[in-house]
Amino acid sequence: MLKGLAGLGDMAKMMKAAQEVQGKMAEMQEQLARIVVVGEAGAGLVKARATAKGEITGLDIDPSILVPSEKEVVEDLIVAALRDAQSKATARSQQEMARLGEAMGLPADFKMPF
């Protein structure tokens, strides 16, 4: 009569595991917000800081390039530095997600939802 209820224990285990994964993902998102990467352009004349979540947090421009006649060059360097920072943020995020997946025993090629 109670044979049909045997699967409930497995379901409870699955729900608990899902909650643990959800908690670890939340922790990872918080950690990614604290990791800072730096993108550069123009041999370091322009630097952009971003979190591993891809949020730009700062910009540093060497004053030597702030010449009115070089406005377009400076703009291009800023865009390049921002792209570099975002690219590095994406790579770092993927690296951290892979590390989390490995710690959870997931296959190396498993794609996390972020």
PDB file of N, CA and C in Angstrom:
ATOM      1  N   MET A   1       0.809  -1.189   0.000  1.00  0.00           N
ATOM      2  CA  MET A   1       0.000   0.000   0.000  1.00  0.00           C
ATOM      3  C   MET A   1       0.863   1.268   0.000  1.00  0.00           C
ATOM      4  N   LEU A   2       2.006   1.234   0.633  1.00  0.00           N
ATOM      5  CA  LEU A   2       2.885   2.405   0.679  1.00  0.00           C
ATOM      6  C   LEU A   2       3.989   2.362  -0.367  1.00  0.00           C
ATOM      7  N   LYS A   3       3.933   1.385  -1.270  1.00  0.00           N
ATOM      8  CA  LYS A   3       4.978   1.269  -2.286  1.00  0.00           C
ATOM      9  C   LYS A   3       5.087   2.528  -3.143  1.00  0.00           C
ATOM     10  N   GLY A   4       4.002   3.154  -3.443  1.00  0.00           N
ATOM     11  CA  GLY A   4       4.008   4.344  -4.292  1.00  0.00           C
ATOM     12  C   GLY A   4       4.678   5.542  -3.649  1.00  0.00           C
ATOM     13  N   LEU A   5       4.873   5.530  -2.350  1.00  0.00           N
ATOM     14  CA  LEU A   5       5.480   6.658  -1.636  1.00  0.00           C
ATOM     15  C   LEU A   5       6.997   6.548  -1.533  1.00  0.00           C
ATOM     16  N   ALA A   6       7.566   5.468  -2.013  1.00  0.00           N
ATOM     17  CA  ALA A   6       9.012   5.269  -1.901  1.00  0.00           C
ATOM     18  C   ALA A   6       9.789   6.343  -2.649  1.00  0.00           C
ATOM     19  N   GLY A   7       9.258   6.848  -3.727  1.00  0.00           N
ATOM     20  CA  GLY A   7       9.938   7.867  -4.517  1.00  0.00           C
ATOM     21  C   GLY A   7       9.981   9.228  -3.850  1.00  0.00           C
ATOM     22  N   LEU A   8       9.187   9.445  -2.812  1.00  0.00           N
ATOM     23  CA  LEU A   8       9.178  10.746  -2.140  1.00  0.00           C
ATOM     24  C   LEU A   8      10.505  11.050  -1.457  1.00  0.00           C
ATOM     25  N   GLY A   9      11.174  10.024  -0.949  1.00  0.00           N
ATOM     26  CA  GLY A   9      12.480  10.235  -0.328  1.00  0.00           C
ATOM     27  C   GLY A   9      13.488  10.725  -1.348  1.00  0.00           C
ATOM     28  N   ASP A  10      13.453  10.147  -2.543  1.00  0.00           N
ATOM     29  CA  ASP A  10      14.338  10.596  -3.612  1.00  0.00           C
ATOM     30  C   ASP A  10      14.017  12.031  -4.020  1.00  0.00           C
ATOM     31  N   MET A  11      12.728  12.353  -4.060  1.00  0.00           N
ATOM     32  CA  MET A  11      12.310  13.702  -4.423  1.00  0.00           C
ATOM     33  C   MET A  11      12.808  14.699  -3.384  1.00  0.00           C
ATOM     34  N   ALA A  12      12.740  14.335  -2.124  1.00  0.00           N
ATOM     35  CA  ALA A  12      13.222  15.222  -1.061  1.00  0.00           C
ATOM     36  C   ALA A  12      14.722  15.451  -1.196  1.00  0.00           C
ATOM     37  N   LYS A  13      15.455  14.396  -1.536  1.00  0.00           N
ATOM     38  CA  LYS A  13      16.905  14.539  -1.742  1.00  0.00           C
ATOM     39  C   LYS A  13      17.182  15.471  -2.913  1.00  0.00           C
ATOM     40  N   MET A  14      16.418  15.310  -3.986  1.00  0.00           N
ATOM     41  CA  MET A  14      16.603  16.163  -5.160  1.00  0.00           C
ATOM     42  C   MET A  14      16.304  17.623  -4.827  1.00  0.00           C
ATOM     43  N   MET A  15      15.273  17.853  -4.065  1.00  0.00           N
ATOM     44  CA  MET A  15      14.909  19.225  -3.685  1.00  0.00           C
ATOM     45  C   MET A  15      15.998  19.843  -2.805  1.00  0.00           C
ATOM     46  N   LYS A  16      16.527  19.060  -1.889  1.00  0.00           N
ATOM     47  CA  LYS A  16      17.592  19.553  -1.021  1.00  0.00           C
ATOM     48  C   LYS A  16      18.840  19.882  -1.859  1.00  0.00           C
ATOM     49  N   ALA A  17      19.169  19.006  -2.798  1.00  0.00           N
ATOM     50  CA  ALA A  17      20.324  19.247  -3.668  1.00  0.00           C
ATOM     51  C   ALA A  17      20.103  20.502  -4.507  1.00  0.00           C
ATOM     52  N   ALA A  18      18.898  20.686  -5.006  1.00  0.00           N
ATOM     53  CA  ALA A  18      18.590  21.874  -5.806  1.00  0.00           C
ATOM     54  C   ALA A  18      18.740  23.142  -4.961  1.00  0.00           C
ATOM     55  N   GLN A  19      18.315  23.099  -3.719  1.00  0.00           N
ATOM     56  CA  GLN A  19      18.460  24.250  -2.826  1.00  0.00           C
ATOM     57  C   GLN A  19      19.930  24.547  -2.548  1.00  0.00           C
ATOM     58  N   GLU A  20      20.735  23.496  -2.403  1.00  0.00           N
ATOM     59  CA  GLU A  20      22.163  23.693  -2.178  1.00  0.00           C
ATOM     60  C   GLU A  20      22.811  24.348  -3.391  1.00  0.00           C
ATOM     61  N   VAL A  21      22.447  23.884  -4.587  1.00  0.00           N
ATOM     62  CA  VAL A  21      22.989  24.462  -5.824  1.00  0.00           C
ATOM     63  C   VAL A  21      22.577  25.930  -5.918  1.00  0.00           C
ATOM     64  N   GLN A  22      21.323  26.210  -5.610  1.00  0.00           N
ATOM     65  CA  GLN A  22      20.833  27.581  -5.662  1.00  0.00           C
ATOM     66  C   GLN A  22      21.614  28.466  -4.684  1.00  0.00           C
ATOM     67  N   GLY A  23      21.878  27.963  -3.508  1.00  0.00           N
ATOM     68  CA  GLY A  23      22.657  28.718  -2.524  1.00  0.00           C
ATOM     69  C   GLY A  23      24.078  28.966  -3.000  1.00  0.00           C
ATOM     70  N   LYS A  24      24.691  27.944  -3.591  1.00  0.00           N
ATOM     71  CA  LYS A  24      26.059  28.097  -4.094  1.00  0.00           C
ATOM     72  C   LYS A  24      26.104  29.078  -5.259  1.00  0.00           C
ATOM     73  N   MET A  25      25.078  29.071  -6.102  1.00  0.00           N
ATOM     74  CA  MET A  25      25.035  30.017  -7.216  1.00  0.00           C
ATOM     75  C   MET A  25      24.898  31.448  -6.690  1.00  0.00           C
ATOM     76  N   ALA A  26      24.101  31.642  -5.665  1.00  0.00           N
ATOM     77  CA  ALA A  26      23.950  32.980  -5.076  1.00  0.00           C
ATOM     78  C   ALA A  26      25.280  33.450  -4.490  1.00  0.00           C
ATOM     79  N   GLU A  27      25.981  32.544  -3.810  1.00  0.00           N
ATOM     80  CA  GLU A  27      27.296  32.881  -3.263  1.00  0.00           C
ATOM     81  C   GLU A  27      28.259  33.254  -4.392  1.00  0.00           C
ATOM     82  N   MET A  28      28.201  32.496  -5.491  1.00  0.00           N
ATOM     83  CA  MET A  28      29.091  32.758  -6.626  1.00  0.00           C
ATOM     84  C   MET A  28      28.801  34.129  -7.226  1.00  0.00           C
ATOM     85  N   GLN A  29      27.534  34.491  -7.336  1.00  0.00           N
ATOM     86  CA  GLN A  29      27.191  35.807  -7.880  1.00  0.00           C
ATOM     87  C   GLN A  29      27.743  36.918  -6.987  1.00  0.00           C
ATOM     88  N   GLU A  30      27.678  36.731  -5.682  1.00  0.00           N
ATOM     89  CA  GLU A  30      28.243  37.715  -4.760  1.00  0.00           C
ATOM     90  C   GLU A  30      29.756  37.791  -4.918  1.00  0.00           C
ATOM     91  N   GLN A  31      30.380  36.637  -5.085  1.00  0.00           N
ATOM     92  CA  GLN A  31      31.830  36.598  -5.256  1.00  0.00           C
ATOM     93  C   GLN A  31      32.230  37.281  -6.565  1.00  0.00           C
ATOM     94  N   LEU A  32      31.482  37.042  -7.633  1.00  0.00           N
ATOM     95  CA  LEU A  32      31.791  37.667  -8.919  1.00  0.00           C
ATOM     96  C   LEU A  32      31.682  39.187  -8.837  1.00  0.00           C
ATOM     97  N   ALA A  33      30.792  39.676  -8.005  1.00  0.00           N
ATOM     98  CA  ALA A  33      30.640  41.120  -7.833  1.00  0.00           C
ATOM     99  C   ALA A  33      31.837  41.733  -7.110  1.00  0.00           C
ATOM    100  N   ARG A  34      32.585  40.913  -6.367  1.00  0.00           N
ATOM    101  CA  ARG A  34      33.758  41.417  -5.632  1.00  0.00           C
ATOM    102  C   ARG A  34      35.064  41.274  -6.417  1.00  0.00           C
ATOM    103  N   ILE A  35      35.086  40.405  -7.426  1.00  0.00           N
ATOM    104  CA  ILE A  35      36.305  40.200  -8.217  1.00  0.00           C
ATOM    105  C   ILE A  35      36.444  41.355  -9.209  1.00  0.00           C
ATOM    106  N   VAL A  36      37.611  41.965  -9.244  1.00  0.00           N
ATOM    107  CA  VAL A  36      37.854  43.089 -10.146  1.00  0.00           C
ATOM    108  C   VAL A  36      38.873  42.681 -11.210  1.00  0.00           C
ATOM    109  N   VAL A  37      38.546  43.000 -12.465  1.00  0.00           N
ATOM    110  CA  VAL A  37      39.473  42.790 -13.572  1.00  0.00           C
ATOM    111  C   VAL A  37      39.782  44.158 -14.177  1.00  0.00           C
ATOM    112  N   VAL A  38      40.930  44.264 -14.861  1.00  0.00           N
ATOM    113  CA  VAL A  38      41.330  45.527 -15.465  1.00  0.00           C
ATOM    114  C   VAL A  38      41.592  45.305 -16.945  1.00  0.00           C
ATOM    115  N   GLY A  39      40.900  46.082 -17.763  1.00  0.00           N
ATOM    116  CA  GLY A  39      41.130  46.069 -19.207  1.00  0.00           C
ATOM    117  C   GLY A  39      42.001  47.251 -19.566  1.00  0.00           C
ATOM    118  N   GLU A  40      42.839  47.068 -20.573  1.00  0.00           N
ATOM    119  CA  GLU A  40      43.763  48.140 -20.952  1.00  0.00           C
ATOM    120  C   GLU A  40      43.733  48.383 -22.452  1.00  0.00           C
ATOM    121  N   ALA A  41      44.128  49.590 -22.818  1.00  0.00           N
ATOM    122  CA  ALA A  41      44.307  49.946 -24.230  1.00  0.00           C
ATOM    123  C   ALA A  41      45.427  50.973 -24.311  1.00  0.00           C
ATOM    124  N   GLY A  42      46.049  51.043 -25.485  1.00  0.00           N
ATOM    125  CA  GLY A  42      47.123  52.012 -25.675  1.00  0.00           C
ATOM    126  C   GLY A  42      48.300  51.777 -24.763  1.00  0.00           C
ATOM    127  N   ALA A  43      48.690  50.523 -24.617  1.00  0.00           N
ATOM    128  CA  ALA A  43      49.827  50.147 -23.770  1.00  0.00           C
ATOM    129  C   ALA A  43      49.644  50.637 -22.336  1.00  0.00           C
ATOM    130  N   GLY A  44      48.397  50.590 -21.864  1.00  0.00           N
ATOM    131  CA  GLY A  44      48.122  50.966 -20.483  1.00  0.00           C
ATOM    132  C   GLY A  44      47.789  52.438 -20.276  1.00  0.00           C
ATOM    133  N   LEU A  45      47.702  53.221 -21.362  1.00  0.00           N
ATOM    134  CA  LEU A  45      47.356  54.633 -21.210  1.00  0.00           C
ATOM    135  C   LEU A  45      45.905  54.812 -20.760  1.00  0.00           C
ATOM    136  N   VAL A  46      45.063  53.858 -21.111  1.00  0.00           N
ATOM    137  CA  VAL A  46      43.672  53.869 -20.662  1.00  0.00           C
ATOM    138  C   VAL A  46      43.385  52.522 -20.016  1.00  0.00           C
ATOM    139  N   LYS A  47      42.854  52.562 -18.795  1.00  0.00           N
ATOM    140  CA  LYS A  47      42.521  51.338 -18.074  1.00  0.00           C
ATOM    141  C   LYS A  47      41.071  51.427 -17.598  1.00  0.00           C
ATOM    142  N   ALA A  48      40.356  50.321 -17.752  1.00  0.00           N
ATOM    143  CA  ALA A  48      38.975  50.245 -17.274  1.00  0.00           C
ATOM    144  C   ALA A  48      38.883  49.116 -16.265  1.00  0.00           C
ATOM    145  N   ARG A  49      38.236  49.394 -15.136  1.00  0.00           N
ATOM    146  CA  ARG A  49      38.015  48.373 -14.117  1.00  0.00           C
ATOM    147  C   ARG A  49      36.573  47.894 -14.201  1.00  0.00           C
ATOM    148  N   ALA A  50      36.408  46.574 -14.008  1.00  0.00           N
ATOM    149  CA  ALA A  50      35.072  45.987 -14.022  1.00  0.00           C
ATOM    150  C   ALA A  50      35.027  44.831 -13.041  1.00  0.00           C
ATOM    151  N   THR A  51      33.828  44.516 -12.588  1.00  0.00           N
ATOM    152  CA  THR A  51      33.664  43.317 -11.767  1.00  0.00           C
ATOM    153  C   THR A  51      33.606  42.120 -12.710  1.00  0.00           C
ATOM    154  N   ALA A  52      33.760  40.931 -12.156  1.00  0.00           N
ATOM    155  CA  ALA A  52      33.664  39.728 -12.976  1.00  0.00           C
ATOM    156  C   ALA A  52      32.239  39.515 -13.483  1.00  0.00           C
ATOM    157  N   LYS A  53      31.297  40.291 -12.973  1.00  0.00           N
ATOM    158  CA  LYS A  53      29.929  40.259 -13.493  1.00  0.00           C
ATOM    159  C   LYS A  53      29.788  41.162 -14.717  1.00  0.00           C
ATOM    160  N   GLY A  54      30.856  41.914 -15.040  1.00  0.00           N
ATOM    161  CA  GLY A  54      30.845  42.771 -16.222  1.00  0.00           C
ATOM    162  C   GLY A  54      30.425  44.205 -15.962  1.00  0.00           C
ATOM    163  N   GLU A  55      30.281  44.585 -14.708  1.00  0.00           N
ATOM    164  CA  GLU A  55      29.894  45.954 -14.377  1.00  0.00           C
ATOM    165  C   GLU A  55      31.128  46.848 -14.335  1.00  0.00           C
ATOM    166  N   ILE A  56      31.148  47.882 -15.163  1.00  0.00           N
ATOM    167  CA  ILE A  56      32.272  48.809 -15.200  1.00  0.00           C
ATOM    168  C   ILE A  56      32.261  49.629 -13.908  1.00  0.00           C
ATOM    169  N   THR A  57      33.406  49.670 -13.220  1.00  0.00           N
ATOM    170  CA  THR A  57      33.481  50.373 -11.938  1.00  0.00           C
ATOM    171  C   THR A  57      34.433  51.554 -11.951  1.00  0.00           C
ATOM    172  N   GLY A  58      35.264  51.665 -12.975  1.00  0.00           N
ATOM    173  CA  GLY A  58      36.187  52.785 -12.988  1.00  0.00           C
ATOM    174  C   GLY A  58      36.935  52.908 -14.297  1.00  0.00           C
ATOM    175  N   LEU A  59      37.505  54.069 -14.501  1.00  0.00           N
ATOM    176  CA  LEU A  59      38.256  54.366 -15.715  1.00  0.00           C
ATOM    177  C   LEU A  59      39.448  55.232 -15.327  1.00  0.00           C
ATOM    178  N   ASP A  60      40.619  54.900 -15.842  1.00  0.00           N
ATOM    179  CA  ASP A  60      41.829  55.668 -15.560  1.00  0.00           C
ATOM    180  C   ASP A  60      42.459  56.055 -16.893  1.00  0.00           C
ATOM    181  N   ILE A  61      42.602  57.345 -17.108  1.00  0.00           N
ATOM    182  CA  ILE A  61      43.181  57.852 -18.354  1.00  0.00           C
ATOM    183  C   ILE A  61      44.450  58.618 -18.023  1.00  0.00           C
ATOM    184  N   ASP A  62      45.545  58.218 -18.658  1.00  0.00           N
ATOM    185  CA  ASP A  62      46.813  58.909 -18.459  1.00  0.00           C
ATOM    186  C   ASP A  62      46.654  60.345 -18.989  1.00  0.00           C
ATOM    187  N   PRO A  63      46.959  61.342 -18.177  1.00  0.00           N
ATOM    188  CA  PRO A  63      46.767  62.741 -18.582  1.00  0.00           C
ATOM    189  C   PRO A  63      47.569  63.140 -19.823  1.00  0.00           C
ATOM    190  N   SER A  64      48.629  62.415 -20.137  1.00  0.00           N
ATOM    191  CA  SER A  64      49.460  62.787 -21.289  1.00  0.00           C
ATOM    192  C   SER A  64      48.710  62.666 -22.615  1.00  0.00           C
ATOM    193  N   ILE A  65      47.619  61.907 -22.644  1.00  0.00           N
ATOM    194  CA  ILE A  65      46.891  61.759 -23.915  1.00  0.00           C
ATOM    195  C   ILE A  65      45.685  62.693 -24.008  1.00  0.00           C
ATOM    196  N   LEU A  66      45.468  63.507 -22.991  1.00  0.00           N
ATOM    197  CA  LEU A  66      44.332  64.419 -23.003  1.00  0.00           C
ATOM    198  C   LEU A  66      44.691  65.712 -23.729  1.00  0.00           C
ATOM    199  N   VAL A  67      44.810  65.575 -25.031  1.00  0.00           N
ATOM    200  CA  VAL A  67      45.145  66.699 -25.911  1.00  0.00           C
ATOM    201  C   VAL A  67      43.960  66.873 -26.861  1.00  0.00           C
ATOM    202  N   PRO A  68      43.423  68.092 -26.980  1.00  0.00           N
ATOM    203  CA  PRO A  68      42.233  68.286 -27.817  1.00  0.00           C
ATOM    204  C   PRO A  68      42.356  67.706 -29.225  1.00  0.00           C
ATOM    205  N   SER A  69      43.521  67.780 -29.818  1.00  0.00           N
ATOM    206  CA  SER A  69      43.680  67.259 -31.183  1.00  0.00           C
ATOM    207  C   SER A  69      43.633  65.729 -31.233  1.00  0.00           C
ATOM    208  N   GLU A  70      43.752  65.065 -30.100  1.00  0.00           N
ATOM    209  CA  GLU A  70      43.739  63.598 -30.025  1.00  0.00           C
ATOM    210  C   GLU A  70      42.421  63.048 -29.465  1.00  0.00           C
ATOM    211  N   LYS A  71      41.370  63.860 -29.494  1.00  0.00           N
ATOM    212  CA  LYS A  71      40.090  63.475 -28.914  1.00  0.00           C
ATOM    213  C   LYS A  71      39.588  62.133 -29.446  1.00  0.00           C
ATOM    214  N   GLU A  72      39.610  61.927 -30.748  1.00  0.00           N
ATOM    215  CA  GLU A  72      39.112  60.683 -31.339  1.00  0.00           C
ATOM    216  C   GLU A  72      39.954  59.480 -30.914  1.00  0.00           C
ATOM    217  N   VAL A  73      41.257  59.677 -30.818  1.00  0.00           N
ATOM    218  CA  VAL A  73      42.140  58.592 -30.387  1.00  0.00           C
ATOM    219  C   VAL A  73      41.802  58.203 -28.947  1.00  0.00           C
ATOM    220  N   VAL A  74      41.613  59.199 -28.094  1.00  0.00           N
ATOM    221  CA  VAL A  74      41.280  58.940 -26.694  1.00  0.00           C
ATOM    222  C   VAL A  74      39.953  58.193 -26.602  1.00  0.00           C
ATOM    223  N   GLU A  75      38.973  58.622 -27.374  1.00  0.00           N
ATOM    224  CA  GLU A  75      37.674  57.946 -27.374  1.00  0.00           C
ATOM    225  C   GLU A  75      37.815  56.489 -27.800  1.00  0.00           C
ATOM    226  N   ASP A  76      38.601  56.248 -28.846  1.00  0.00           N
ATOM    227  CA  ASP A  76      38.831  54.876 -29.306  1.00  0.00           C
ATOM    228  C   ASP A  76      39.527  54.036 -28.234  1.00  0.00           C
ATOM    229  N   LEU A  77      40.487  54.633 -27.548  1.00  0.00           N
ATOM    230  CA  LEU A  77      41.197  53.909 -26.488  1.00  0.00           C
ATOM    231  C   LEU A  77      40.257  53.580 -25.323  1.00  0.00           C
ATOM    232  N   ILE A  78      39.366  54.493 -25.011  1.00  0.00           N
ATOM    233  CA  ILE A  78      38.398  54.241 -23.933  1.00  0.00           C
ATOM    234  C   ILE A  78      37.500  53.068 -24.301  1.00  0.00           C
ATOM    235  N   VAL A  79      36.981  53.086 -25.505  1.00  0.00           N
ATOM    236  CA  VAL A  79      36.108  51.992 -25.950  1.00  0.00           C
ATOM    237  C   VAL A  79      36.877  50.664 -25.947  1.00  0.00           C
ATOM    238  N   ALA A  80      38.112  50.683 -26.415  1.00  0.00           N
ATOM    239  CA  ALA A  80      38.920  49.459 -26.442  1.00  0.00           C
ATOM    240  C   ALA A  80      39.188  48.941 -25.031  1.00  0.00           C
ATOM    241  N   ALA A  81      39.472  49.840 -24.102  1.00  0.00           N
ATOM    242  CA  ALA A  81      39.723  49.428 -22.723  1.00  0.00           C
ATOM    243  C   ALA A  81      38.457  48.848 -22.091  1.00  0.00           C
ATOM    244  N   LEU A  82      37.312  49.454 -22.373  1.00  0.00           N
ATOM    245  CA  LEU A  82      36.047  48.930 -21.845  1.00  0.00           C
ATOM    246  C   LEU A  82      35.756  47.536 -22.400  1.00  0.00           C
ATOM    247  N   ARG A  83      35.980  47.359 -23.684  1.00  0.00           N
ATOM    248  CA  ARG A  83      35.760  46.040 -24.290  1.00  0.00           C
ATOM    249  C   ARG A  83      36.711  45.005 -23.697  1.00  0.00           C
ATOM    250  N   ASP A  84      37.956  45.400 -23.488  1.00  0.00           N
ATOM    251  CA  ASP A  84      38.932  44.483 -22.903  1.00  0.00           C
ATOM    252  C   ASP A  84      38.511  44.094 -21.484  1.00  0.00           C
ATOM    253  N   ALA A  85      38.049  45.062 -20.709  1.00  0.00           N
ATOM    254  CA  ALA A  85      37.606  44.775 -19.340  1.00  0.00           C
ATOM    255  C   ALA A  85      36.408  43.831 -19.356  1.00  0.00           C
ATOM    256  N   GLN A  86      35.461  44.075 -20.244  1.00  0.00           N
ATOM    257  CA  GLN A  86      34.283  43.215 -20.324  1.00  0.00           C
ATOM    258  C   GLN A  86      34.657  41.807 -20.776  1.00  0.00           C
ATOM    259  N   SER A  87      35.586  41.708 -21.695  1.00  0.00           N
ATOM    260  CA  SER A  87      36.046  40.394 -22.161  1.00  0.00           C
ATOM    261  C   SER A  87      36.725  39.629 -21.026  1.00  0.00           C
ATOM    262  N   LYS A  88      37.562  40.323 -20.276  1.00  0.00           N
ATOM    263  CA  LYS A  88      38.232  39.695 -19.141  1.00  0.00           C
ATOM    264  C   LYS A  88      37.230  39.312 -18.058  1.00  0.00           C
ATOM    265  N   ALA A  89      36.210  40.141 -17.868  1.00  0.00           N
ATOM    266  CA  ALA A  89      35.178  39.831 -16.873  1.00  0.00           C
ATOM    267  C   ALA A  89      34.427  38.566 -17.270  1.00  0.00           C
ATOM    268  N   THR A  90      34.090  38.442 -18.542  1.00  0.00           N
ATOM    269  CA  THR A  90      33.385  37.254 -19.024  1.00  0.00           C
ATOM    270  C   THR A  90      34.248  36.007 -18.841  1.00  0.00           C
ATOM    271  N   ALA A  91      35.512  36.113 -19.197  1.00  0.00           N
ATOM    272  CA  ALA A  91      36.424  34.964 -19.058  1.00  0.00           C
ATOM    273  C   ALA A  91      36.562  34.562 -17.594  1.00  0.00           C
ATOM    274  N   ARG A  92      36.689  35.538 -16.715  1.00  0.00           N
ATOM    275  CA  ARG A  92      36.845  35.236 -15.291  1.00  0.00           C
ATOM    276  C   ARG A  92      35.576  34.610 -14.726  1.00  0.00           C
ATOM    277  N   SER A  93      34.435  35.132 -15.150  1.00  0.00           N
ATOM    278  CA  SER A  93      33.158  34.584 -14.702  1.00  0.00           C
ATOM    279  C   SER A  93      33.014  33.128 -15.134  1.00  0.00           C
ATOM    280  N   GLN A  94      33.357  32.840 -16.374  1.00  0.00           N
ATOM    281  CA  GLN A  94      33.288  31.465 -16.867  1.00  0.00           C
ATOM    282  C   GLN A  94      34.247  30.561 -16.102  1.00  0.00           C
ATOM    283  N   GLN A  95      35.417  31.080 -15.793  1.00  0.00           N
ATOM    284  CA  GLN A  95      36.406  30.317 -15.028  1.00  0.00           C
ATOM    285  C   GLN A  95      35.866  29.986 -13.638  1.00  0.00           C
ATOM    286  N   GLU A  96      35.262  30.967 -12.983  1.00  0.00           N
ATOM    287  CA  GLU A  96      34.721  30.758 -11.644  1.00  0.00           C
ATOM    288  C   GLU A  96      33.531  29.797 -11.676  1.00  0.00           C
ATOM    289  N   MET A  97      32.687  29.916 -12.687  1.00  0.00           N
ATOM    290  CA  MET A  97      31.538  29.014 -12.815  1.00  0.00           C
ATOM    291  C   MET A  97      32.008  27.576 -13.053  1.00  0.00           C
ATOM    292  N   ALA A  98      33.040  27.416 -13.869  1.00  0.00           N
ATOM    293  CA  ALA A  98      33.576  26.076 -14.123  1.00  0.00           C
ATOM    294  C   ALA A  98      34.133  25.481 -12.828  1.00  0.00           C
ATOM    295  N   ARG A  99      34.785  26.325 -12.045  1.00  0.00           N
ATOM    296  CA  ARG A  99      35.336  25.875 -10.766  1.00  0.00           C
ATOM    297  C   ARG A  99      34.212  25.435  -9.823  1.00  0.00           C
ATOM    298  N   LEU A 100      33.124  26.195  -9.805  1.00  0.00           N
ATOM    299  CA  LEU A 100      31.972  25.834  -8.975  1.00  0.00           C
ATOM    300  C   LEU A 100      31.366  24.520  -9.461  1.00  0.00           C
ATOM    301  N   GLY A 101      31.216  24.384 -10.768  1.00  0.00           N
ATOM    302  CA  GLY A 101      30.665  23.151 -11.324  1.00  0.00           C
ATOM    303  C   GLY A 101      31.519  21.949 -10.987  1.00  0.00           C
ATOM    304  N   GLU A 102      32.826  22.123 -11.058  1.00  0.00           N
ATOM    305  CA  GLU A 102      33.755  21.033 -10.722  1.00  0.00           C
ATOM    306  C   GLU A 102      33.615  20.655  -9.248  1.00  0.00           C
ATOM    307  N   ALA A 103      33.494  21.662  -8.395  1.00  0.00           N
ATOM    308  CA  ALA A 103      33.352  21.405  -6.961  1.00  0.00           C
ATOM    309  C   ALA A 103      32.043  20.678  -6.649  1.00  0.00           C
ATOM    310  N   MET A 104      31.047  20.886  -7.518  1.00  0.00           N
ATOM    311  CA  MET A 104      29.755  20.233  -7.316  1.00  0.00           C
ATOM    312  C   MET A 104      29.700  18.874  -8.016  1.00  0.00           C
ATOM    313  N   GLY A 105      30.801  18.495  -8.677  1.00  0.00           N
ATOM    314  CA  GLY A 105      30.857  17.201  -9.334  1.00  0.00           C
ATOM    315  C   GLY A 105      30.199  17.170 -10.697  1.00  0.00           C
ATOM    316  N   LEU A 106      30.010  18.332 -11.311  1.00  0.00           N
ATOM    317  CA  LEU A 106      29.402  18.379 -12.643  1.00  0.00           C
ATOM    318  C   LEU A 106      30.466  18.132 -13.705  1.00  0.00           C
ATOM    319  N   PRO A 107      30.074  17.643 -14.883  1.00  0.00           N
ATOM    320  CA  PRO A 107      31.040  17.427 -15.965  1.00  0.00           C
ATOM    321  C   PRO A 107      31.720  18.738 -16.367  1.00  0.00           C
ATOM    322  N   ALA A 108      32.928  18.674 -16.842  1.00  0.00           N
ATOM    323  CA  ALA A 108      33.713  19.878 -17.179  1.00  0.00           C
ATOM    324  C   ALA A 108      33.026  20.723 -18.259  1.00  0.00           C
ATOM    325  N   ASP A 109      32.300  20.102 -19.177  1.00  0.00           N
ATOM    326  CA  ASP A 109      31.662  20.849 -20.259  1.00  0.00           C
ATOM    327  C   ASP A 109      30.227  21.284 -19.930  1.00  0.00           C
ATOM    328  N   PHE A 110      29.808  21.084 -18.662  1.00  0.00           N
ATOM    329  CA  PHE A 110      28.461  21.471 -18.244  1.00  0.00           C
ATOM    330  C   PHE A 110      28.361  22.978 -18.235  1.00  0.00           C
ATOM    331  N   LYS A 111      27.347  23.529 -18.883  1.00  0.00           N
ATOM    332  CA  LYS A 111      27.175  24.976 -18.961  1.00  0.00           C
ATOM    333  C   LYS A 111      26.246  25.452 -17.852  1.00  0.00           C
ATOM    334  N   MET A 112      26.777  26.331 -17.005  1.00  0.00           N
ATOM    335  CA  MET A 112      25.960  26.913 -15.947  1.00  0.00           C
ATOM    336  C   MET A 112      24.978  27.891 -16.605  1.00  0.00           C
ATOM    337  N   PRO A 113      23.910  28.252 -15.924  1.00  0.00           N
ATOM    338  CA  PRO A 113      22.888  29.100 -16.541  1.00  0.00           C
ATOM    339  C   PRO A 113      23.268  30.565 -16.691  1.00  0.00           C
ATOM    340  N   PHE A 114      24.478  30.967 -16.346  1.00  0.00           N
ATOM    341  CA  PHE A 114      24.854  32.386 -16.458  1.00  0.00           C
ATOM    342  C   PHE A 114      25.961  32.564 -17.447  1.00  0.00           C
TER     343      PHE A 114
END
